Amino acid sequence: MISAQDWADARSVWDYHQMGHTPRPCSVAIGLGSHDLGVADTAVSLYKRGMAPLLLFTGATSPTTRERMPRGEAVHYKERALELGVPSTAILVEPRARNTGENIRFSRELLEKEGAEVSSVLLISKPYEERRAYATARKLWPAVDVVSASAPMTLDEYVDSIGDARLVIDMLVGALQRLMIYPEQGFMISQPVPSDVLDAYERLRQAGFTSRLLPTDAPSS
């Protein structure tokens, strides 16, 4: 049972995870691999709006995507973009990354190998991963301007798209934990967390939304 307080706290954490950036033209758009093909759809939409001349999809597979995307997240993203009319010449694929840090590092390496001049990056992720993507890129690629983007969805719309409210709230809680512990491990820049968001996070933990939490002594970027 998810209480009214749980929902209010989840919305507070959801809002914090989103950066509120307005998409603008960048050197490249990078779609971060996940179970969500909506990331590819959003990347294509931004490409067609002229927000980037080049799409780069990054991601291998994970336990949650191995069956759904057997050829790898980035490959499936590319296939989706081709279906939606993006020419293959405007797409790069980075198929090795298994976490957000590798998404950024390997994408940077591939773009350097391709001779692309990059001064700004449009990072496209799941809605609740915007801040994590931004903080990671600012740490690992400080020379570029970073704009975070995702599908424009409310929490309720995202829950409907996933079909599992408890899982979504668990993911919100886990993502916030990483934002708090990863800066000390060198994976991302530190960002202030408002007190009301911290209070919401603690209540959700106490309410049992803990399946995506990491042991605090187990680093994993």
C-alpha atoms as a PDB file:
ATOM      1  CA  MET A   1       0.000   0.000   0.000  1.00  0.00           C
ATOM      2  CA  ILE A   2       1.419   3.380  -1.028  1.00  0.00           C
ATOM      3  CA  SER A   3       0.154   6.145   1.235  1.00  0.00           C
ATOM      4  CA  ALA A   4      -0.656   9.738   0.335  1.00  0.00           C
ATOM      5  CA  GLN A   5       2.487  10.777   2.230  1.00  0.00           C
ATOM      6  CA  ASP A   6       4.566   8.330   0.174  1.00  0.00           C
ATOM      7  CA  TRP A   7       3.241   9.850  -3.044  1.00  0.00           C
ATOM      8  CA  ALA A   8       3.916  13.385  -1.837  1.00  0.00           C
ATOM      9  CA  ASP A   9       7.475  12.411  -0.878  1.00  0.00           C
ATOM     10  CA  ALA A  10       8.017  10.628  -4.191  1.00  0.00           C
ATOM     11  CA  ARG A  11       6.947  13.756  -6.086  1.00  0.00           C
ATOM     12  CA  SER A  12       9.379  15.848  -4.063  1.00  0.00           C
ATOM     13  CA  VAL A  13      12.257  13.508  -4.936  1.00  0.00           C
ATOM     14  CA  TRP A  14      11.117  13.266  -8.588  1.00  0.00           C
ATOM     15  CA  ASP A  15      11.124  17.051  -8.936  1.00  0.00           C
ATOM     16  CA  TYR A  16      14.627  17.274  -7.466  1.00  0.00           C
ATOM     17  CA  HIS A  17      16.005  14.717  -9.913  1.00  0.00           C
ATOM     18  CA  GLN A  18      14.963  16.874 -12.850  1.00  0.00           C
ATOM     19  CA  MET A  19      17.297  19.722 -13.714  1.00  0.00           C
ATOM     20  CA  GLY A  20      14.763  21.964 -15.433  1.00  0.00           C
ATOM     21  CA  HIS A  21      17.124  22.771 -18.302  1.00  0.00           C
ATOM     22  CA  THR A  22      15.652  24.154 -21.511  1.00  0.00           C
ATOM     23  CA  PRO A  23      17.017  22.129 -24.456  1.00  0.00           C
ATOM     24  CA  ARG A  24      19.161  24.206 -26.797  1.00  0.00           C
ATOM     25  CA  PRO A  25      21.455  23.421 -29.721  1.00  0.00           C
ATOM     26  CA  CYS A  26      24.556  21.462 -28.673  1.00  0.00           C
ATOM     27  CA  SER A  27      27.493  19.823 -30.440  1.00  0.00           C
ATOM     28  CA  VAL A  28      26.126  16.328 -29.841  1.00  0.00           C
ATOM     29  CA  ALA A  29      23.192  14.598 -28.175  1.00  0.00           C
ATOM     30  CA  ILE A  30      24.089  11.561 -26.065  1.00  0.00           C
ATOM     31  CA  GLY A  31      21.361   9.045 -25.216  1.00  0.00           C
ATOM     32  CA  LEU A  32      22.228   7.109 -22.055  1.00  0.00           C
ATOM     33  CA  GLY A  33      21.362   3.441 -22.302  1.00  0.00           C
ATOM     34  CA  SER A  34      18.678   1.897 -20.099  1.00  0.00           C
ATOM     35  CA  HIS A  35      15.563  -0.278 -20.284  1.00  0.00           C
ATOM     36  CA  ASP A  36      13.611   2.730 -21.559  1.00  0.00           C
ATOM     37  CA  LEU A  37      13.353   3.161 -25.339  1.00  0.00           C
ATOM     38  CA  GLY A  38      11.737   6.493 -24.595  1.00  0.00           C
ATOM     39  CA  VAL A  39      15.271   7.859 -24.227  1.00  0.00           C
ATOM     40  CA  ALA A  40      15.858   7.095 -27.914  1.00  0.00           C
ATOM     41  CA  ASP A  41      12.502   8.642 -28.841  1.00  0.00           C
ATOM     42  CA  THR A  42      13.395  11.824 -26.967  1.00  0.00           C
ATOM     43  CA  ALA A  43      16.819  11.949 -28.602  1.00  0.00           C
ATOM     44  CA  VAL A  44      15.237  11.657 -32.046  1.00  0.00           C
ATOM     45  CA  SER A  45      12.700  14.375 -31.238  1.00  0.00           C
ATOM     46  CA  LEU A  46      15.466  16.742 -30.166  1.00  0.00           C
ATOM     47  CA  TYR A  47      17.529  15.861 -33.232  1.00  0.00           C
ATOM     48  CA  LYS A  48      14.599  16.662 -35.507  1.00  0.00           C
ATOM     49  CA  ARG A  49      14.167  19.992 -33.712  1.00  0.00           C
ATOM     50  CA  GLY A  50      17.743  20.872 -34.629  1.00  0.00           C
ATOM     51  CA  MET A  51      19.152  20.551 -31.125  1.00  0.00           C
ATOM     52  CA  ALA A  52      22.150  18.473 -32.269  1.00  0.00           C
ATOM     53  CA  PRO A  53      23.602  17.405 -35.621  1.00  0.00           C
ATOM     54  CA  LEU A  54      24.788  14.080 -34.208  1.00  0.00           C
ATOM     55  CA  LEU A  55      23.292  11.398 -31.965  1.00  0.00           C
ATOM     56  CA  LEU A  56      25.460   9.099 -29.868  1.00  0.00           C
ATOM     57  CA  PHE A  57      23.830   6.167 -28.085  1.00  0.00           C
ATOM     58  CA  THR A  58      25.786   4.503 -25.295  1.00  0.00           C
ATOM     59  CA  GLY A  59      25.161   1.319 -23.331  1.00  0.00           C
ATOM     60  CA  ALA A  60      25.825  -2.409 -23.195  1.00  0.00           C
ATOM     61  CA  THR A  61      23.358  -4.649 -21.359  1.00  0.00           C
ATOM     62  CA  SER A  62      22.394  -5.083 -17.732  1.00  0.00           C
ATOM     63  CA  PRO A  63      20.350  -7.657 -15.834  1.00  0.00           C
ATOM     64  CA  THR A  64      17.245  -5.551 -16.507  1.00  0.00           C
ATOM     65  CA  THR A  65      17.881  -5.157 -20.252  1.00  0.00           C
ATOM     66  CA  ARG A  66      19.538  -8.402 -21.290  1.00  0.00           C
ATOM     67  CA  GLU A  67      16.320 -10.076 -22.417  1.00  0.00           C
ATOM     68  CA  ARG A  68      14.585  -6.938 -23.695  1.00  0.00           C
ATOM     69  CA  MET A  69      17.638  -5.613 -25.565  1.00  0.00           C
ATOM     70  CA  PRO A  70      19.828  -8.621 -26.367  1.00  0.00           C
ATOM     71  CA  ARG A  71      21.935  -6.703 -28.907  1.00  0.00           C
ATOM     72  CA  GLY A  72      22.770  -4.038 -26.333  1.00  0.00           C
ATOM     73  CA  GLU A  73      21.028  -0.868 -25.267  1.00  0.00           C
ATOM     74  CA  ALA A  74      22.900   1.439 -27.639  1.00  0.00           C
ATOM     75  CA  VAL A  75      22.249  -0.825 -30.615  1.00  0.00           C
ATOM     76  CA  HIS A  76      18.529  -1.002 -29.866  1.00  0.00           C
ATOM     77  CA  TYR A  77      18.450   2.774 -29.454  1.00  0.00           C
ATOM     78  CA  LYS A  78      20.075   3.170 -32.855  1.00  0.00           C
ATOM     79  CA  GLU A  79      17.586   0.786 -34.430  1.00  0.00           C
ATOM     80  CA  ARG A  80      14.754   2.828 -32.937  1.00  0.00           C
ATOM     81  CA  ALA A  81      16.252   6.067 -34.272  1.00  0.00           C
ATOM     82  CA  LEU A  82      16.585   4.566 -37.749  1.00  0.00           C
ATOM     83  CA  GLU A  83      12.928   3.484 -37.610  1.00  0.00           C
ATOM     84  CA  LEU A  84      12.016   7.082 -36.787  1.00  0.00           C
ATOM     85  CA  GLY A  85      13.883   8.450 -39.783  1.00  0.00           C
ATOM     86  CA  VAL A  86      17.300   9.495 -38.520  1.00  0.00           C
ATOM     87  CA  PRO A  87      19.995   8.776 -41.137  1.00  0.00           C
ATOM     88  CA  SER A  88      22.662   6.291 -40.101  1.00  0.00           C
ATOM     89  CA  THR A  89      25.336   8.903 -40.880  1.00  0.00           C
ATOM     90  CA  ALA A  90      24.042  10.982 -37.960  1.00  0.00           C
ATOM     91  CA  ILE A  91      24.308   8.164 -35.376  1.00  0.00           C
ATOM     92  CA  LEU A  92      27.258   6.827 -33.395  1.00  0.00           C
ATOM     93  CA  VAL A  93      27.063   3.763 -31.144  1.00  0.00           C
ATOM     94  CA  GLU A  94      29.121   3.156 -28.014  1.00  0.00           C
ATOM     95  CA  PRO A  95      28.297  -0.453 -26.992  1.00  0.00           C
ATOM     96  CA  ARG A  96      30.492  -1.089 -23.932  1.00  0.00           C
ATOM     97  CA  ALA A  97      29.323   1.185 -21.109  1.00  0.00           C
ATOM     98  CA  ARG A  98      27.707  -0.489 -18.098  1.00  0.00           C
ATOM     99  CA  ASN A  99      27.161   2.500 -15.807  1.00  0.00           C
ATOM    100  CA  THR A 100      26.766   6.257 -16.037  1.00  0.00           C
ATOM    101  CA  GLY A 101      30.456   6.969 -15.553  1.00  0.00           C
ATOM    102  CA  GLU A 102      31.376   4.658 -18.412  1.00  0.00           C
ATOM    103  CA  ASN A 103      28.599   6.188 -20.534  1.00  0.00           C
ATOM    104  CA  ILE A 104      30.347   9.538 -20.246  1.00  0.00           C
ATOM    105  CA  ARG A 105      33.955   8.356 -20.484  1.00  0.00           C
ATOM    106  CA  PHE A 106      33.456   6.003 -23.406  1.00  0.00           C
ATOM    107  CA  SER A 107      31.293   8.512 -25.291  1.00  0.00           C
ATOM    108  CA  ARG A 108      33.992  11.147 -24.882  1.00  0.00           C
ATOM    109  CA  GLU A 109      36.644   8.731 -26.137  1.00  0.00           C
ATOM    110  CA  LEU A 110      34.558   7.769 -29.179  1.00  0.00           C
ATOM    111  CA  LEU A 111      33.873  11.379 -30.112  1.00  0.00           C
ATOM    112  CA  GLU A 112      37.572  12.198 -29.815  1.00  0.00           C
ATOM    113  CA  LYS A 113      38.400   9.201 -32.000  1.00  0.00           C
ATOM    114  CA  GLU A 114      35.880  10.395 -34.585  1.00  0.00           C
ATOM    115  CA  GLY A 115      37.420  13.851 -34.571  1.00  0.00           C
ATOM    116  CA  ALA A 116      34.218  15.547 -33.439  1.00  0.00           C
ATOM    117  CA  GLU A 117      34.598  19.023 -32.000  1.00  0.00           C
ATOM    118  CA  VAL A 118      32.521  19.083 -28.842  1.00  0.00           C
ATOM    119  CA  SER A 119      31.919  22.196 -26.785  1.00  0.00           C
ATOM    120  CA  SER A 120      28.464  21.283 -25.485  1.00  0.00           C
ATOM    121  CA  VAL A 121      26.553  18.063 -24.811  1.00  0.00           C
ATOM    122  CA  LEU A 122      22.836  17.412 -24.667  1.00  0.00           C
ATOM    123  CA  LEU A 123      22.523  14.488 -22.238  1.00  0.00           C
ATOM    124  CA  ILE A 124      19.333  12.497 -22.604  1.00  0.00           C
ATOM    125  CA  SER A 125      18.290  10.107 -19.848  1.00  0.00           C
ATOM    126  CA  LYS A 126      15.296   8.738 -18.010  1.00  0.00           C
ATOM    127  CA  PRO A 127      13.459  11.584 -16.231  1.00  0.00           C
ATOM    128  CA  TYR A 128      14.694  10.644 -12.769  1.00  0.00           C
ATOM    129  CA  GLU A 129      18.306  10.332 -13.971  1.00  0.00           C
ATOM    130  CA  GLU A 130      18.719  13.901 -15.257  1.00  0.00           C
ATOM    131  CA  ARG A 131      20.613  15.184 -12.231  1.00  0.00           C
ATOM    132  CA  ARG A 132      22.797  12.093 -11.960  1.00  0.00           C
ATOM    133  CA  ALA A 133      23.757  12.356 -15.628  1.00  0.00           C
ATOM    134  CA  TYR A 134      24.533  16.053 -15.249  1.00  0.00           C
ATOM    135  CA  ALA A 135      26.603  15.610 -12.089  1.00  0.00           C
ATOM    136  CA  THR A 136      28.578  12.745 -13.614  1.00  0.00           C
ATOM    137  CA  ALA A 137      29.334  14.625 -16.825  1.00  0.00           C
ATOM    138  CA  ARG A 138      30.428  17.751 -14.958  1.00  0.00           C
ATOM    139  CA  LYS A 139      32.924  15.608 -13.045  1.00  0.00           C
ATOM    140  CA  LEU A 140      34.275  13.514 -15.917  1.00  0.00           C
ATOM    141  CA  TRP A 141      34.002  16.013 -18.777  1.00  0.00           C
ATOM    142  CA  PRO A 142      34.345  19.455 -17.174  1.00  0.00           C
ATOM    143  CA  ALA A 143      35.406  21.260 -20.357  1.00  0.00           C
ATOM    144  CA  VAL A 144      32.000  20.959 -22.037  1.00  0.00           C
ATOM    145  CA  ASP A 145      28.729  22.700 -21.327  1.00  0.00           C
ATOM    146  CA  VAL A 146      26.133  20.128 -20.229  1.00  0.00           C
ATOM    147  CA  VAL A 147      22.390  20.344 -20.807  1.00  0.00           C
ATOM    148  CA  SER A 148      20.204  17.609 -19.299  1.00  0.00           C
ATOM    149  CA  ALA A 149      17.022  16.438 -21.017  1.00  0.00           C
ATOM    150  CA  SER A 150      14.445  13.677 -20.785  1.00  0.00           C
ATOM    151  CA  ALA A 151      10.937  12.904 -21.925  1.00  0.00           C
ATOM    152  CA  PRO A 152       8.589  15.598 -20.556  1.00  0.00           C
ATOM    153  CA  MET A 153       6.582  13.442 -18.156  1.00  0.00           C
ATOM    154  CA  THR A 154       4.982  13.780 -14.748  1.00  0.00           C
ATOM    155  CA  LEU A 155       5.634  11.181 -12.071  1.00  0.00           C
ATOM    156  CA  ASP A 156       2.147   9.765 -12.588  1.00  0.00           C
ATOM    157  CA  GLU A 157       2.739   9.435 -16.334  1.00  0.00           C
ATOM    158  CA  TYR A 158       6.065   7.713 -15.749  1.00  0.00           C
ATOM    159  CA  VAL A 159       4.544   5.283 -13.251  1.00  0.00           C
ATOM    160  CA  ASP A 160       1.824   4.467 -15.797  1.00  0.00           C
ATOM    161  CA  SER A 161       4.482   3.818 -18.465  1.00  0.00           C
ATOM    162  CA  ILE A 162       6.403   1.425 -16.195  1.00  0.00           C
ATOM    163  CA  GLY A 163       3.380  -0.205 -14.613  1.00  0.00           C
ATOM    164  CA  ASP A 164       4.954  -0.681 -11.178  1.00  0.00           C
ATOM    165  CA  ALA A 165       4.617   2.234  -8.762  1.00  0.00           C
ATOM    166  CA  ARG A 166       6.663   0.672  -5.974  1.00  0.00           C
ATOM    167  CA  LEU A 167       9.545  -0.055  -8.316  1.00  0.00           C
ATOM    168  CA  VAL A 168       9.542   3.527  -9.587  1.00  0.00           C
ATOM    169  CA  ILE A 169       9.650   4.944  -6.057  1.00  0.00           C
ATOM    170  CA  ASP A 170      12.433   2.501  -5.186  1.00  0.00           C
ATOM    171  CA  MET A 171      14.377   3.813  -8.194  1.00  0.00           C
ATOM    172  CA  LEU A 172      13.841   7.432  -7.140  1.00  0.00           C
ATOM    173  CA  VAL A 173      15.194   6.653  -3.680  1.00  0.00           C
ATOM    174  CA  GLY A 174      18.168   4.714  -5.033  1.00  0.00           C
ATOM    175  CA  ALA A 175      19.060   7.466  -7.493  1.00  0.00           C
ATOM    176  CA  LEU A 176      19.052  10.057  -4.717  1.00  0.00           C
ATOM    177  CA  GLN A 177      21.266   7.918  -2.514  1.00  0.00           C
ATOM    178  CA  ARG A 178      23.826   7.790  -5.332  1.00  0.00           C
ATOM    179  CA  LEU A 179      23.728  11.559  -5.722  1.00  0.00           C
ATOM    180  CA  MET A 180      24.675  11.824  -2.057  1.00  0.00           C
ATOM    181  CA  ILE A 181      27.381   9.160  -1.799  1.00  0.00           C
ATOM    182  CA  TYR A 182      29.053   9.155  -5.223  1.00  0.00           C
ATOM    183  CA  PRO A 183      30.723  12.588  -4.970  1.00  0.00           C
ATOM    184  CA  GLU A 184      32.869  11.286  -2.098  1.00  0.00           C
ATOM    185  CA  GLN A 185      33.907   8.383  -4.326  1.00  0.00           C
ATOM    186  CA  GLY A 186      34.916  10.690  -7.171  1.00  0.00           C
ATOM    187  CA  PHE A 187      32.141   9.678  -9.555  1.00  0.00           C
ATOM    188  CA  MET A 188      30.302  13.012  -9.805  1.00  0.00           C
ATOM    189  CA  ILE A 189      30.222  16.573  -8.549  1.00  0.00           C
ATOM    190  CA  SER A 190      28.472  17.301  -5.291  1.00  0.00           C
ATOM    191  CA  GLN A 191      25.103  19.030  -5.407  1.00  0.00           C
ATOM    192  CA  PRO A 192      23.107  20.433  -2.490  1.00  0.00           C
ATOM    193  CA  VAL A 193      19.998  18.506  -1.538  1.00  0.00           C
ATOM    194  CA  PRO A 194      17.247  20.684  -0.046  1.00  0.00           C
ATOM    195  CA  SER A 195      16.137  19.759   3.452  1.00  0.00           C
ATOM    196  CA  ASP A 196      12.586  18.966   2.355  1.00  0.00           C
ATOM    197  CA  VAL A 197      13.927  16.505  -0.221  1.00  0.00           C
ATOM    198  CA  LEU A 198      16.167  14.883   2.388  1.00  0.00           C
ATOM    199  CA  ASP A 199      13.197  14.552   4.718  1.00  0.00           C
ATOM    200  CA  ALA A 200      11.136  12.958   1.927  1.00  0.00           C
ATOM    201  CA  TYR A 201      13.999  10.559   1.166  1.00  0.00           C
ATOM    202  CA  GLU A 202      14.269   9.467   4.793  1.00  0.00           C
ATOM    203  CA  ARG A 203      10.529   8.901   5.110  1.00  0.00           C
ATOM    204  CA  LEU A 204      10.507   6.791   1.956  1.00  0.00           C
ATOM    205  CA  ARG A 205      13.397   4.715   3.276  1.00  0.00           C
ATOM    206  CA  GLN A 206      11.581   4.196   6.547  1.00  0.00           C
ATOM    207  CA  ALA A 207       8.472   3.202   4.566  1.00  0.00           C
ATOM    208  CA  GLY A 208      10.455   0.400   2.935  1.00  0.00           C
ATOM    209  CA  PHE A 209      11.293   1.777  -0.516  1.00  0.00           C
ATOM    210  CA  THR A 210      14.792   0.357  -0.341  1.00  0.00           C
ATOM    211  CA  SER A 211      15.250  -2.268  -3.063  1.00  0.00           C
ATOM    212  CA  ARG A 212      17.526  -0.013  -5.147  1.00  0.00           C
ATOM    213  CA  LEU A 213      19.710   1.218  -2.315  1.00  0.00           C
ATOM    214  CA  LEU A 214      23.416   0.408  -2.328  1.00  0.00           C
ATOM    215  CA  PRO A 215      25.448  -0.644   0.700  1.00  0.00           C
ATOM    216  CA  THR A 216      27.318   2.552   1.534  1.00  0.00           C
ATOM    217  CA  ASP A 217      30.632   0.678   1.431  1.00  0.00           C
ATOM    218  CA  ALA A 218      30.051  -0.743  -2.060  1.00  0.00           C
ATOM    219  CA  PRO A 219      31.173   1.774  -4.704  1.00  0.00           C
ATOM    220  CA  SER A 220      29.735   1.384  -8.202  1.00  0.00           C
ATOM    221  CA  SER A 221      29.640   4.294 -10.655  1.00  0.00           C
END
